[in-house]
Amino acid sequence: MPEAQSVQVFGKREAPGGNERATWEAGGGVLWPGDASTPRAWMGNEAIVTGVPVGRLRTIDVGGALTVGSFSPRMHITKKTATACAFAKQGRGLIKVNGQPIENIEPECLRLKAFEPVLTLGQDKFANLDIRIRVKGGGMTAQIYAIRSAIAKSIVAYYAKYVDESAKNELRATLLAYDRNLLVADPRRREPKKYGGRSARARFQKSYR
């Protein structure tokens, strides 16, 4: 994927009516999908840009140049009451959890569980990819499972967006063959306690005398 660049805007056009709009990640503008050779962007007035994929248009500079960058696929994963949010972008193979390298994740006995997507697919798949994960809520085990799902889903989304469909399908098939819960959400939850007993199913002992 090319490095981030600035593309000078030239010319103006009338805003096309009825076309589907998409909001830029950095805010402030609206994007209309154009044809492959001349994607079109709009901010106040529509400006024509050439040679830039529609999905890579990001922000408009004060001087009239359109900054083109790789905005990251964002994945939102839950496991029980733990929530993880992952951002994948082009990089040098870093995976960070709450600002810390994944190698420092605690507890140590569950660290290998968080590494499972990397060990399953191979480190070469992550060599040009940076993944940032924010996780909160739940317990230690639920957070680890949310992190592993976030890593797996983010690399699949990144390959689908920036590489090609066949590579994405290959990654997806490998992950599903290893553990389906890496890509498919686990809907199980703790069953609520009921009256008349100490838990969801157990009842207090009954005595007739």
N, C-alpha and C. Protein backbone atom coordinates (compact mmCIF):
# COMPACT_ATOMS: atom_id res chain seq x y z
N MET A 1 0.85 -1.19 0.00
CA MET A 1 0.00 0.00 0.00
C MET A 1 0.88 1.24 0.00
N PRO A 2 0.60 2.24 -0.86
CA PRO A 2 1.46 3.43 -0.94
C PRO A 2 1.47 4.21 0.36
N GLU A 3 2.54 5.00 0.52
CA GLU A 3 2.64 5.85 1.69
C GLU A 3 1.62 6.98 1.60
N ALA A 4 1.36 7.62 2.76
CA ALA A 4 0.45 8.76 2.79
C ALA A 4 1.02 9.88 1.92
N GLN A 5 0.16 10.58 1.23
CA GLN A 5 0.59 11.63 0.33
C GLN A 5 -0.45 12.73 0.28
N SER A 6 -0.06 13.87 -0.30
CA SER A 6 -1.00 14.96 -0.51
C SER A 6 -1.26 15.09 -2.00
N VAL A 7 -2.51 15.23 -2.35
CA VAL A 7 -2.90 15.37 -3.76
C VAL A 7 -3.54 16.72 -3.93
N GLN A 8 -3.05 17.51 -4.86
CA GLN A 8 -3.58 18.86 -5.05
C GLN A 8 -4.94 18.80 -5.72
N VAL A 9 -5.87 19.53 -5.17
CA VAL A 9 -7.22 19.60 -5.73
C VAL A 9 -7.21 20.53 -6.93
N PHE A 10 -7.90 20.14 -8.00
CA PHE A 10 -8.03 21.04 -9.14
C PHE A 10 -9.48 21.00 -9.62
N GLY A 11 -9.95 22.16 -10.05
CA GLY A 11 -11.29 22.24 -10.64
C GLY A 11 -12.40 22.14 -9.61
N LYS A 12 -13.62 22.49 -10.03
CA LYS A 12 -14.80 22.40 -9.19
C LYS A 12 -15.91 21.73 -9.99
N ARG A 13 -16.83 21.14 -9.27
CA ARG A 13 -17.99 20.55 -9.93
C ARG A 13 -19.23 20.75 -9.08
N GLU A 14 -20.37 20.63 -9.70
CA GLU A 14 -21.63 20.65 -8.95
C GLU A 14 -21.74 19.35 -8.16
N ALA A 15 -22.27 19.44 -6.96
CA ALA A 15 -22.45 18.23 -6.16
C ALA A 15 -23.47 17.32 -6.83
N PRO A 16 -23.13 16.06 -7.09
CA PRO A 16 -24.07 15.17 -7.78
C PRO A 16 -25.24 14.82 -6.89
N GLY A 17 -26.43 14.91 -7.40
CA GLY A 17 -27.62 14.65 -6.61
C GLY A 17 -27.93 13.17 -6.52
N GLY A 18 -28.35 12.73 -5.32
CA GLY A 18 -28.82 11.37 -5.16
C GLY A 18 -27.74 10.33 -4.98
N ASN A 19 -26.46 10.72 -5.01
CA ASN A 19 -25.40 9.73 -4.83
C ASN A 19 -25.22 9.40 -3.35
N GLU A 20 -24.79 8.17 -3.09
CA GLU A 20 -24.56 7.74 -1.71
C GLU A 20 -23.36 8.49 -1.15
N ARG A 21 -23.47 8.96 0.10
CA ARG A 21 -22.41 9.73 0.73
C ARG A 21 -21.74 8.89 1.83
N ALA A 22 -20.49 9.19 2.09
CA ALA A 22 -19.78 8.58 3.21
C ALA A 22 -18.95 9.64 3.90
N THR A 23 -18.92 9.63 5.22
CA THR A 23 -18.21 10.67 5.96
C THR A 23 -16.74 10.30 6.11
N TRP A 24 -15.88 11.31 5.98
CA TRP A 24 -14.46 11.07 6.21
C TRP A 24 -14.21 10.75 7.65
N GLU A 25 -13.17 9.95 7.90
CA GLU A 25 -12.81 9.59 9.26
C GLU A 25 -12.41 10.82 10.07
N ALA A 26 -11.63 11.73 9.44
CA ALA A 26 -11.15 12.89 10.18
C ALA A 26 -12.20 13.99 10.28
N GLY A 27 -13.34 13.79 9.68
CA GLY A 27 -14.45 14.72 9.82
C GLY A 27 -14.34 15.91 8.89
N GLY A 28 -15.42 16.66 8.79
CA GLY A 28 -15.40 17.92 8.06
C GLY A 28 -15.85 17.83 6.63
N GLY A 29 -15.91 16.68 6.03
CA GLY A 29 -16.26 16.62 4.63
C GLY A 29 -17.14 15.43 4.33
N VAL A 30 -17.66 15.39 3.12
CA VAL A 30 -18.50 14.28 2.67
C VAL A 30 -17.90 13.75 1.38
N LEU A 31 -17.86 12.44 1.24
CA LEU A 31 -17.23 11.80 0.10
C LEU A 31 -18.28 11.16 -0.79
N TRP A 32 -18.21 11.43 -2.08
CA TRP A 32 -19.06 10.75 -3.04
C TRP A 32 -18.23 9.73 -3.80
N PRO A 33 -18.65 8.47 -3.91
CA PRO A 33 -17.90 7.53 -4.73
C PRO A 33 -17.96 7.94 -6.20
N GLY A 34 -16.79 8.15 -6.78
CA GLY A 34 -16.72 8.46 -8.21
C GLY A 34 -16.29 7.22 -8.97
N ASP A 35 -15.93 7.38 -10.23
CA ASP A 35 -15.41 6.23 -10.94
C ASP A 35 -13.97 5.98 -10.49
N ALA A 36 -13.38 4.86 -10.94
CA ALA A 36 -12.08 4.43 -10.41
C ALA A 36 -10.96 5.42 -10.73
N SER A 37 -11.06 6.13 -11.86
CA SER A 37 -9.97 7.00 -12.25
C SER A 37 -10.06 8.38 -11.60
N THR A 38 -11.27 8.88 -11.34
CA THR A 38 -11.41 10.22 -10.77
C THR A 38 -12.38 10.18 -9.59
N PRO A 39 -11.94 9.70 -8.44
CA PRO A 39 -12.78 9.83 -7.24
C PRO A 39 -13.03 11.30 -6.94
N ARG A 40 -14.16 11.60 -6.32
CA ARG A 40 -14.52 12.99 -6.08
C ARG A 40 -14.75 13.23 -4.60
N ALA A 41 -14.30 14.37 -4.13
CA ALA A 41 -14.51 14.73 -2.73
C ALA A 41 -15.16 16.10 -2.66
N TRP A 42 -15.79 16.38 -1.52
CA TRP A 42 -16.52 17.64 -1.39
C TRP A 42 -16.27 18.24 -0.03
N MET A 43 -16.02 19.53 0.02
CA MET A 43 -15.96 20.26 1.28
C MET A 43 -16.36 21.69 0.99
N GLY A 44 -17.60 22.02 1.25
CA GLY A 44 -18.13 23.31 0.85
C GLY A 44 -18.52 23.28 -0.62
N ASN A 45 -17.55 23.18 -1.51
CA ASN A 45 -17.78 22.93 -2.92
C ASN A 45 -17.10 21.62 -3.28
N GLU A 46 -17.61 20.93 -4.27
CA GLU A 46 -17.01 19.66 -4.64
C GLU A 46 -15.72 19.90 -5.39
N ALA A 47 -14.69 19.14 -5.05
CA ALA A 47 -13.41 19.23 -5.75
C ALA A 47 -13.08 17.87 -6.35
N ILE A 48 -12.45 17.88 -7.51
CA ILE A 48 -12.11 16.64 -8.18
C ILE A 48 -10.67 16.27 -7.87
N VAL A 49 -10.45 15.01 -7.55
CA VAL A 49 -9.11 14.50 -7.26
C VAL A 49 -8.87 13.30 -8.16
N THR A 50 -7.66 13.15 -8.65
CA THR A 50 -7.37 12.02 -9.53
C THR A 50 -6.34 11.09 -8.91
N GLY A 51 -6.44 9.82 -9.27
CA GLY A 51 -5.43 8.85 -8.90
C GLY A 51 -5.44 8.40 -7.46
N VAL A 52 -6.54 8.59 -6.75
CA VAL A 52 -6.59 8.21 -5.34
C VAL A 52 -7.79 7.30 -5.13
N PRO A 53 -7.61 6.10 -4.53
CA PRO A 53 -8.76 5.26 -4.23
C PRO A 53 -9.74 5.98 -3.31
N VAL A 54 -11.03 5.76 -3.55
CA VAL A 54 -12.06 6.48 -2.79
C VAL A 54 -11.92 6.24 -1.30
N GLY A 55 -11.60 5.00 -0.89
CA GLY A 55 -11.53 4.68 0.52
C GLY A 55 -10.37 5.32 1.24
N ARG A 56 -9.42 5.98 0.51
CA ARG A 56 -8.24 6.52 1.15
C ARG A 56 -8.31 8.03 1.32
N LEU A 57 -9.37 8.69 0.83
CA LEU A 57 -9.50 10.13 1.03
C LEU A 57 -9.73 10.41 2.50
N ARG A 58 -9.00 11.37 3.05
CA ARG A 58 -9.06 11.53 4.50
C ARG A 58 -9.41 12.94 4.96
N THR A 59 -8.53 13.92 4.78
CA THR A 59 -8.84 15.27 5.24
C THR A 59 -8.46 16.26 4.16
N ILE A 60 -8.98 17.47 4.30
CA ILE A 60 -8.61 18.52 3.37
C ILE A 60 -7.75 19.55 4.09
N ASP A 61 -6.63 19.91 3.50
CA ASP A 61 -5.73 20.89 4.10
C ASP A 61 -6.25 22.30 3.85
N VAL A 62 -5.71 23.26 4.63
CA VAL A 62 -6.14 24.66 4.49
C VAL A 62 -5.78 25.18 3.11
N GLY A 63 -4.64 24.72 2.59
CA GLY A 63 -4.19 25.21 1.29
C GLY A 63 -4.91 24.61 0.10
N GLY A 64 -5.89 23.75 0.34
CA GLY A 64 -6.64 23.18 -0.76
C GLY A 64 -6.16 21.81 -1.18
N ALA A 65 -5.15 21.26 -0.48
CA ALA A 65 -4.68 19.92 -0.82
C ALA A 65 -5.43 18.89 -0.01
N LEU A 66 -5.64 17.74 -0.60
CA LEU A 66 -6.38 16.67 0.06
C LEU A 66 -5.36 15.65 0.57
N THR A 67 -5.31 15.45 1.87
CA THR A 67 -4.36 14.49 2.44
C THR A 67 -4.91 13.10 2.27
N VAL A 68 -4.08 12.22 1.71
CA VAL A 68 -4.49 10.85 1.47
C VAL A 68 -3.72 9.97 2.43
N GLY A 69 -4.39 9.20 3.25
CA GLY A 69 -3.73 8.35 4.22
C GLY A 69 -4.49 7.06 4.39
N SER A 70 -3.91 6.16 5.17
CA SER A 70 -4.51 4.85 5.37
C SER A 70 -5.28 4.85 6.68
N PHE A 71 -6.55 5.22 6.66
CA PHE A 71 -7.31 5.16 7.89
C PHE A 71 -7.64 3.70 8.18
N SER A 72 -7.66 3.35 9.46
CA SER A 72 -7.62 1.95 9.85
C SER A 72 -9.01 1.36 10.00
N PRO A 73 -9.15 0.07 9.62
CA PRO A 73 -10.38 -0.63 9.98
C PRO A 73 -10.53 -0.70 11.49
N ARG A 74 -11.72 -0.51 11.97
CA ARG A 74 -11.98 -0.47 13.42
C ARG A 74 -12.91 -1.61 13.77
N MET A 75 -12.49 -2.43 14.74
CA MET A 75 -13.27 -3.58 15.16
C MET A 75 -13.69 -3.42 16.61
N HIS A 76 -14.94 -3.77 16.90
CA HIS A 76 -15.49 -3.67 18.25
C HIS A 76 -15.93 -5.06 18.69
N ILE A 77 -15.29 -5.60 19.72
CA ILE A 77 -15.51 -6.98 20.13
C ILE A 77 -15.89 -7.02 21.60
N THR A 78 -16.85 -7.87 21.93
CA THR A 78 -17.23 -8.07 23.33
C THR A 78 -17.13 -9.54 23.69
N LYS A 79 -16.72 -9.79 24.92
CA LYS A 79 -16.72 -11.14 25.49
C LYS A 79 -17.26 -11.00 26.90
N LYS A 80 -18.47 -11.54 27.14
CA LYS A 80 -19.16 -11.33 28.40
C LYS A 80 -19.30 -9.82 28.63
N THR A 81 -18.70 -9.27 29.68
CA THR A 81 -18.81 -7.82 29.89
C THR A 81 -17.53 -7.08 29.54
N ALA A 82 -16.54 -7.76 28.94
CA ALA A 82 -15.30 -7.12 28.49
C ALA A 82 -15.48 -6.61 27.07
N THR A 83 -14.95 -5.43 26.80
CA THR A 83 -15.08 -4.81 25.48
C THR A 83 -13.69 -4.43 24.97
N ALA A 84 -13.40 -4.83 23.73
CA ALA A 84 -12.12 -4.50 23.09
C ALA A 84 -12.40 -3.78 21.79
N CYS A 85 -11.63 -2.72 21.52
CA CYS A 85 -11.73 -1.97 20.28
C CYS A 85 -10.36 -1.98 19.62
N ALA A 86 -10.28 -2.47 18.38
CA ALA A 86 -8.99 -2.65 17.69
C ALA A 86 -8.92 -1.76 16.46
N PHE A 87 -7.73 -1.18 16.21
CA PHE A 87 -7.45 -0.37 15.03
C PHE A 87 -6.26 -0.98 14.32
N ALA A 88 -6.41 -1.34 13.05
CA ALA A 88 -5.31 -1.93 12.27
C ALA A 88 -4.90 -0.95 11.19
N LYS A 89 -3.59 -0.76 11.02
CA LYS A 89 -3.07 0.12 9.99
C LYS A 89 -1.70 -0.37 9.54
N GLN A 90 -1.21 0.17 8.44
CA GLN A 90 0.10 -0.20 7.95
C GLN A 90 1.16 0.21 8.95
N GLY A 91 2.12 -0.67 9.20
CA GLY A 91 3.14 -0.37 10.20
C GLY A 91 4.30 -1.33 10.12
N ARG A 92 4.83 -1.69 11.30
CA ARG A 92 6.02 -2.54 11.34
C ARG A 92 5.86 -3.71 12.30
N GLY A 93 4.65 -4.21 12.46
CA GLY A 93 4.43 -5.43 13.23
C GLY A 93 4.21 -5.24 14.70
N LEU A 94 3.77 -4.05 15.13
CA LEU A 94 3.52 -3.80 16.54
C LEU A 94 2.08 -4.14 16.90
N ILE A 95 1.91 -4.78 18.03
CA ILE A 95 0.58 -5.01 18.58
C ILE A 95 0.60 -4.49 20.02
N LYS A 96 -0.22 -3.48 20.28
CA LYS A 96 -0.25 -2.86 21.61
C LYS A 96 -1.64 -2.98 22.22
N VAL A 97 -1.66 -3.25 23.52
CA VAL A 97 -2.91 -3.36 24.27
C VAL A 97 -2.89 -2.31 25.37
N ASN A 98 -3.81 -1.37 25.29
CA ASN A 98 -3.86 -0.26 26.24
C ASN A 98 -2.51 0.46 26.35
N GLY A 99 -1.86 0.63 25.21
CA GLY A 99 -0.59 1.35 25.16
C GLY A 99 0.64 0.54 25.48
N GLN A 100 0.48 -0.72 25.90
CA GLN A 100 1.61 -1.58 26.24
C GLN A 100 1.79 -2.67 25.19
N PRO A 101 3.05 -3.09 24.93
CA PRO A 101 3.26 -4.21 24.00
C PRO A 101 2.52 -5.45 24.48
N ILE A 102 2.04 -6.24 23.53
CA ILE A 102 1.25 -7.42 23.90
C ILE A 102 2.08 -8.44 24.66
N GLU A 103 3.42 -8.35 24.54
CA GLU A 103 4.29 -9.27 25.27
C GLU A 103 4.21 -9.06 26.78
N ASN A 104 3.73 -7.89 27.20
CA ASN A 104 3.64 -7.58 28.64
C ASN A 104 2.26 -7.82 29.22
N ILE A 105 1.39 -8.44 28.45
CA ILE A 105 0.00 -8.60 28.90
C ILE A 105 -0.06 -9.51 30.13
N GLU A 106 -0.96 -9.19 31.02
CA GLU A 106 -1.16 -9.97 32.24
C GLU A 106 -2.57 -10.54 32.24
N PRO A 107 -2.80 -11.71 32.87
CA PRO A 107 -1.83 -12.54 33.59
C PRO A 107 -0.94 -13.34 32.63
N GLU A 108 0.24 -13.68 33.09
CA GLU A 108 1.22 -14.37 32.24
C GLU A 108 0.74 -15.74 31.81
N CYS A 109 -0.05 -16.41 32.66
CA CYS A 109 -0.51 -17.76 32.33
C CYS A 109 -1.49 -17.76 31.15
N LEU A 110 -2.12 -16.61 30.86
CA LEU A 110 -3.05 -16.52 29.72
C LEU A 110 -2.44 -15.77 28.54
N ARG A 111 -1.17 -15.41 28.64
CA ARG A 111 -0.54 -14.61 27.58
C ARG A 111 -0.53 -15.34 26.25
N LEU A 112 -0.28 -16.64 26.30
CA LEU A 112 -0.23 -17.43 25.06
C LEU A 112 -1.59 -17.46 24.36
N LYS A 113 -2.66 -17.34 25.14
CA LYS A 113 -4.00 -17.33 24.55
C LYS A 113 -4.19 -16.10 23.67
N ALA A 114 -3.64 -14.96 24.08
CA ALA A 114 -3.75 -13.74 23.28
C ALA A 114 -2.90 -13.82 22.02
N PHE A 115 -1.83 -14.64 22.04
CA PHE A 115 -0.94 -14.78 20.88
C PHE A 115 -1.49 -15.73 19.82
N GLU A 116 -2.59 -16.42 20.11
CA GLU A 116 -3.05 -17.48 19.22
C GLU A 116 -3.27 -17.05 17.76
N PRO A 117 -3.89 -15.88 17.48
CA PRO A 117 -4.04 -15.49 16.07
C PRO A 117 -2.69 -15.32 15.36
N VAL A 118 -1.69 -14.76 16.07
CA VAL A 118 -0.37 -14.56 15.46
C VAL A 118 0.31 -15.89 15.23
N LEU A 119 0.24 -16.79 16.19
CA LEU A 119 0.88 -18.10 16.05
C LEU A 119 0.18 -18.96 15.00
N THR A 120 -1.13 -18.79 14.86
CA THR A 120 -1.88 -19.58 13.88
C THR A 120 -1.59 -19.13 12.45
N LEU A 121 -1.57 -17.83 12.22
CA LEU A 121 -1.38 -17.30 10.87
C LEU A 121 0.10 -17.14 10.50
N GLY A 122 0.95 -16.99 11.49
CA GLY A 122 2.37 -16.75 11.23
C GLY A 122 2.71 -15.28 11.37
N GLN A 123 3.88 -15.00 11.90
CA GLN A 123 4.27 -13.62 12.15
C GLN A 123 4.47 -12.82 10.88
N ASP A 124 4.73 -13.50 9.75
CA ASP A 124 4.94 -12.77 8.49
C ASP A 124 3.68 -12.03 8.06
N LYS A 125 2.50 -12.53 8.44
CA LYS A 125 1.24 -11.87 8.08
C LYS A 125 1.08 -10.53 8.81
N PHE A 126 1.74 -10.40 9.95
CA PHE A 126 1.63 -9.20 10.77
C PHE A 126 2.83 -8.27 10.61
N ALA A 127 3.77 -8.61 9.71
CA ALA A 127 5.03 -7.88 9.62
C ALA A 127 4.83 -6.42 9.23
N ASN A 128 3.87 -6.14 8.35
CA ASN A 128 3.64 -4.77 7.86
C ASN A 128 2.37 -4.17 8.43
N LEU A 129 2.00 -4.61 9.63
CA LEU A 129 0.71 -4.23 10.20
C LEU A 129 0.89 -3.83 11.66
N ASP A 130 0.30 -2.71 12.04
CA ASP A 130 0.25 -2.29 13.43
C ASP A 130 -1.19 -2.41 13.93
N ILE A 131 -1.37 -2.98 15.11
CA ILE A 131 -2.70 -3.13 15.69
C ILE A 131 -2.69 -2.51 17.08
N ARG A 132 -3.58 -1.56 17.31
CA ARG A 132 -3.76 -0.94 18.63
C ARG A 132 -5.10 -1.40 19.20
N ILE A 133 -5.07 -1.86 20.44
CA ILE A 133 -6.28 -2.41 21.06
C ILE A 133 -6.52 -1.69 22.38
N ARG A 134 -7.75 -1.27 22.59
CA ARG A 134 -8.18 -0.75 23.89
C ARG A 134 -9.18 -1.75 24.47
N VAL A 135 -8.96 -2.17 25.70
CA VAL A 135 -9.86 -3.14 26.31
C VAL A 135 -10.22 -2.66 27.72
N LYS A 136 -11.47 -2.87 28.10
CA LYS A 136 -11.93 -2.49 29.43
C LYS A 136 -13.11 -3.36 29.82
N GLY A 137 -13.42 -3.36 31.10
CA GLY A 137 -14.56 -4.11 31.59
C GLY A 137 -14.26 -5.59 31.75
N GLY A 138 -15.14 -6.29 32.45
CA GLY A 138 -15.01 -7.72 32.60
C GLY A 138 -13.84 -8.13 33.47
N GLY A 139 -13.54 -9.42 33.46
CA GLY A 139 -12.42 -9.95 34.22
C GLY A 139 -11.22 -10.20 33.33
N MET A 140 -10.17 -10.76 33.91
CA MET A 140 -8.93 -10.98 33.17
C MET A 140 -9.12 -11.95 32.01
N THR A 141 -9.82 -13.05 32.25
CA THR A 141 -10.01 -14.05 31.21
C THR A 141 -10.86 -13.50 30.07
N ALA A 142 -11.93 -12.81 30.40
CA ALA A 142 -12.80 -12.24 29.36
C ALA A 142 -12.04 -11.22 28.53
N GLN A 143 -11.18 -10.42 29.15
CA GLN A 143 -10.40 -9.44 28.40
C GLN A 143 -9.42 -10.12 27.45
N ILE A 144 -8.78 -11.20 27.90
CA ILE A 144 -7.85 -11.93 27.03
C ILE A 144 -8.58 -12.48 25.81
N TYR A 145 -9.76 -13.05 26.02
CA TYR A 145 -10.53 -13.60 24.89
C TYR A 145 -11.01 -12.49 23.95
N ALA A 146 -11.35 -11.33 24.51
CA ALA A 146 -11.73 -10.20 23.66
C ALA A 146 -10.54 -9.71 22.84
N ILE A 147 -9.35 -9.70 23.43
CA ILE A 147 -8.14 -9.26 22.73
C ILE A 147 -7.82 -10.19 21.56
N ARG A 148 -7.87 -11.50 21.80
CA ARG A 148 -7.54 -12.45 20.72
C ARG A 148 -8.53 -12.34 19.57
N SER A 149 -9.80 -12.14 19.88
CA SER A 149 -10.79 -11.96 18.81
C SER A 149 -10.56 -10.64 18.07
N ALA A 150 -10.17 -9.60 18.80
CA ALA A 150 -9.91 -8.31 18.17
C ALA A 150 -8.74 -8.40 17.19
N ILE A 151 -7.68 -9.11 17.56
CA ILE A 151 -6.53 -9.27 16.66
C ILE A 151 -6.94 -10.03 15.41
N ALA A 152 -7.68 -11.12 15.59
CA ALA A 152 -8.08 -11.95 14.45
C ALA A 152 -9.01 -11.17 13.50
N LYS A 153 -10.00 -10.49 14.06
CA LYS A 153 -10.95 -9.77 13.21
C LYS A 153 -10.31 -8.58 12.52
N SER A 154 -9.38 -7.91 13.19
CA SER A 154 -8.77 -6.72 12.59
C SER A 154 -7.87 -7.08 11.41
N ILE A 155 -7.11 -8.19 11.49
CA ILE A 155 -6.25 -8.55 10.36
C ILE A 155 -7.09 -9.02 9.18
N VAL A 156 -8.21 -9.69 9.45
CA VAL A 156 -9.09 -10.10 8.35
C VAL A 156 -9.70 -8.87 7.68
N ALA A 157 -10.13 -7.89 8.48
CA ALA A 157 -10.70 -6.66 7.92
C ALA A 157 -9.65 -5.87 7.14
N TYR A 158 -8.42 -5.84 7.64
CA TYR A 158 -7.34 -5.11 6.95
C TYR A 158 -7.05 -5.75 5.59
N TYR A 159 -6.95 -7.07 5.55
CA TYR A 159 -6.67 -7.76 4.28
C TYR A 159 -7.83 -7.58 3.31
N ALA A 160 -9.06 -7.56 3.83
CA ALA A 160 -10.21 -7.36 2.94
C ALA A 160 -10.19 -5.97 2.33
N LYS A 161 -9.71 -4.97 3.08
CA LYS A 161 -9.76 -3.59 2.61
C LYS A 161 -8.56 -3.21 1.75
N TYR A 162 -7.37 -3.69 2.14
CA TYR A 162 -6.15 -3.18 1.51
C TYR A 162 -5.35 -4.22 0.71
N VAL A 163 -5.64 -5.51 0.85
CA VAL A 163 -4.87 -6.52 0.12
C VAL A 163 -5.76 -7.08 -1.00
N ASP A 164 -6.34 -8.25 -0.80
CA ASP A 164 -7.27 -8.77 -1.80
C ASP A 164 -8.19 -9.79 -1.14
N GLU A 165 -9.24 -10.14 -1.86
CA GLU A 165 -10.29 -11.00 -1.30
C GLU A 165 -9.79 -12.43 -1.09
N SER A 166 -8.96 -12.94 -1.98
CA SER A 166 -8.49 -14.32 -1.84
C SER A 166 -7.60 -14.47 -0.61
N ALA A 167 -6.73 -13.48 -0.35
CA ALA A 167 -5.88 -13.53 0.85
C ALA A 167 -6.73 -13.44 2.11
N LYS A 168 -7.77 -12.60 2.06
CA LYS A 168 -8.66 -12.50 3.21
C LYS A 168 -9.38 -13.81 3.48
N ASN A 169 -9.87 -14.47 2.43
CA ASN A 169 -10.56 -15.74 2.60
C ASN A 169 -9.64 -16.83 3.13
N GLU A 170 -8.38 -16.78 2.73
CA GLU A 170 -7.41 -17.75 3.22
C GLU A 170 -7.17 -17.57 4.72
N LEU A 171 -7.00 -16.31 5.16
CA LEU A 171 -6.83 -16.03 6.59
C LEU A 171 -8.06 -16.47 7.38
N ARG A 172 -9.21 -16.13 6.85
CA ARG A 172 -10.47 -16.45 7.54
C ARG A 172 -10.64 -17.96 7.70
N ALA A 173 -10.34 -18.72 6.64
CA ALA A 173 -10.48 -20.18 6.70
C ALA A 173 -9.51 -20.78 7.72
N THR A 174 -8.29 -20.25 7.77
CA THR A 174 -7.30 -20.75 8.73
C THR A 174 -7.75 -20.50 10.17
N LEU A 175 -8.25 -19.31 10.43
CA LEU A 175 -8.69 -18.97 11.78
C LEU A 175 -9.92 -19.78 12.19
N LEU A 176 -10.86 -19.95 11.28
CA LEU A 176 -12.07 -20.72 11.60
C LEU A 176 -11.74 -22.19 11.84
N ALA A 177 -10.76 -22.72 11.09
CA ALA A 177 -10.37 -24.11 11.29
C ALA A 177 -9.72 -24.31 12.66
N TYR A 178 -9.01 -23.30 13.14
CA TYR A 178 -8.35 -23.42 14.45
C TYR A 178 -9.36 -23.23 15.59
N ASP A 179 -10.09 -22.13 15.56
CA ASP A 179 -11.08 -21.85 16.62
C ASP A 179 -12.13 -20.90 16.04
N ARG A 180 -13.34 -21.37 15.97
CA ARG A 180 -14.42 -20.57 15.38
C ARG A 180 -14.69 -19.31 16.18
N ASN A 181 -14.44 -19.34 17.48
CA ASN A 181 -14.73 -18.18 18.33
C ASN A 181 -13.76 -17.04 18.14
N LEU A 182 -12.70 -17.24 17.34
CA LEU A 182 -11.82 -16.13 17.01
C LEU A 182 -12.54 -15.09 16.15
N LEU A 183 -13.47 -15.54 15.31
CA LEU A 183 -14.17 -14.63 14.39
C LEU A 183 -15.66 -14.54 14.67
N VAL A 184 -16.21 -15.51 15.37
CA VAL A 184 -17.65 -15.53 15.63
C VAL A 184 -17.87 -15.21 17.10
N ALA A 185 -18.74 -14.26 17.38
CA ALA A 185 -18.99 -13.82 18.76
C ALA A 185 -19.57 -14.95 19.60
N ASP A 186 -19.18 -14.99 20.86
CA ASP A 186 -19.68 -15.98 21.80
C ASP A 186 -20.83 -15.35 22.59
N PRO A 187 -22.06 -15.82 22.37
CA PRO A 187 -23.22 -15.16 23.01
C PRO A 187 -23.48 -15.60 24.45
N ARG A 188 -22.70 -16.53 24.97
CA ARG A 188 -22.98 -17.07 26.31
C ARG A 188 -22.81 -15.99 27.39
N ARG A 189 -23.70 -15.98 28.34
CA ARG A 189 -23.64 -15.05 29.46
C ARG A 189 -23.95 -15.81 30.75
N ARG A 190 -23.57 -15.21 31.86
CA ARG A 190 -23.86 -15.83 33.16
C ARG A 190 -25.37 -15.79 33.41
N GLU A 191 -25.94 -16.93 33.82
CA GLU A 191 -27.38 -16.99 34.09
C GLU A 191 -27.68 -16.30 35.42
N PRO A 192 -28.68 -15.45 35.47
CA PRO A 192 -28.96 -14.71 36.72
C PRO A 192 -29.39 -15.64 37.86
N LYS A 193 -29.05 -15.23 39.06
CA LYS A 193 -29.47 -15.96 40.26
C LYS A 193 -30.98 -15.81 40.47
N LYS A 194 -31.60 -16.87 40.99
CA LYS A 194 -33.02 -16.82 41.33
C LYS A 194 -33.20 -16.93 42.85
N TYR A 195 -34.35 -16.48 43.31
CA TYR A 195 -34.66 -16.62 44.74
C TYR A 195 -34.92 -18.09 45.06
N GLY A 196 -34.76 -18.43 46.32
CA GLY A 196 -34.99 -19.81 46.75
C GLY A 196 -33.76 -20.68 46.63
N GLY A 197 -32.62 -20.08 46.30
CA GLY A 197 -31.39 -20.86 46.16
C GLY A 197 -30.19 -19.93 46.13
N ARG A 198 -28.98 -20.51 46.15
CA ARG A 198 -27.78 -19.70 46.22
C ARG A 198 -27.22 -19.34 44.85
N SER A 199 -27.82 -19.90 43.79
CA SER A 199 -27.32 -19.60 42.43
C SER A 199 -28.46 -19.72 41.44
N ALA A 200 -28.12 -19.81 40.15
CA ALA A 200 -29.15 -19.83 39.11
C ALA A 200 -29.98 -21.11 39.16
N ARG A 201 -29.34 -22.24 39.46
CA ARG A 201 -30.06 -23.52 39.45
C ARG A 201 -30.14 -24.18 40.82
N ALA A 202 -29.09 -24.05 41.65
CA ALA A 202 -29.07 -24.74 42.95
C ALA A 202 -30.16 -24.17 43.88
N ARG A 203 -30.81 -25.06 44.63
CA ARG A 203 -31.86 -24.66 45.57
C ARG A 203 -31.37 -24.91 47.00
N PHE A 204 -31.94 -24.15 47.91
CA PHE A 204 -31.64 -24.40 49.31
C PHE A 204 -32.18 -25.76 49.72
N GLN A 205 -31.47 -26.39 50.66
CA GLN A 205 -31.90 -27.71 51.13
C GLN A 205 -33.24 -27.62 51.85
N LYS A 206 -34.07 -28.62 51.61
CA LYS A 206 -35.42 -28.60 52.21
C LYS A 206 -35.52 -29.71 53.26
N SER A 207 -36.08 -29.38 54.42
CA SER A 207 -36.22 -30.36 55.48
C SER A 207 -37.66 -30.39 55.95
N TYR A 208 -38.17 -31.62 56.18
CA TYR A 208 -39.57 -31.75 56.59
C TYR A 208 -39.69 -31.90 58.10
N ARG A 209 -38.61 -31.94 58.82
CA ARG A 209 -38.71 -32.06 60.27
C ARG A 209 -37.73 -31.16 60.98
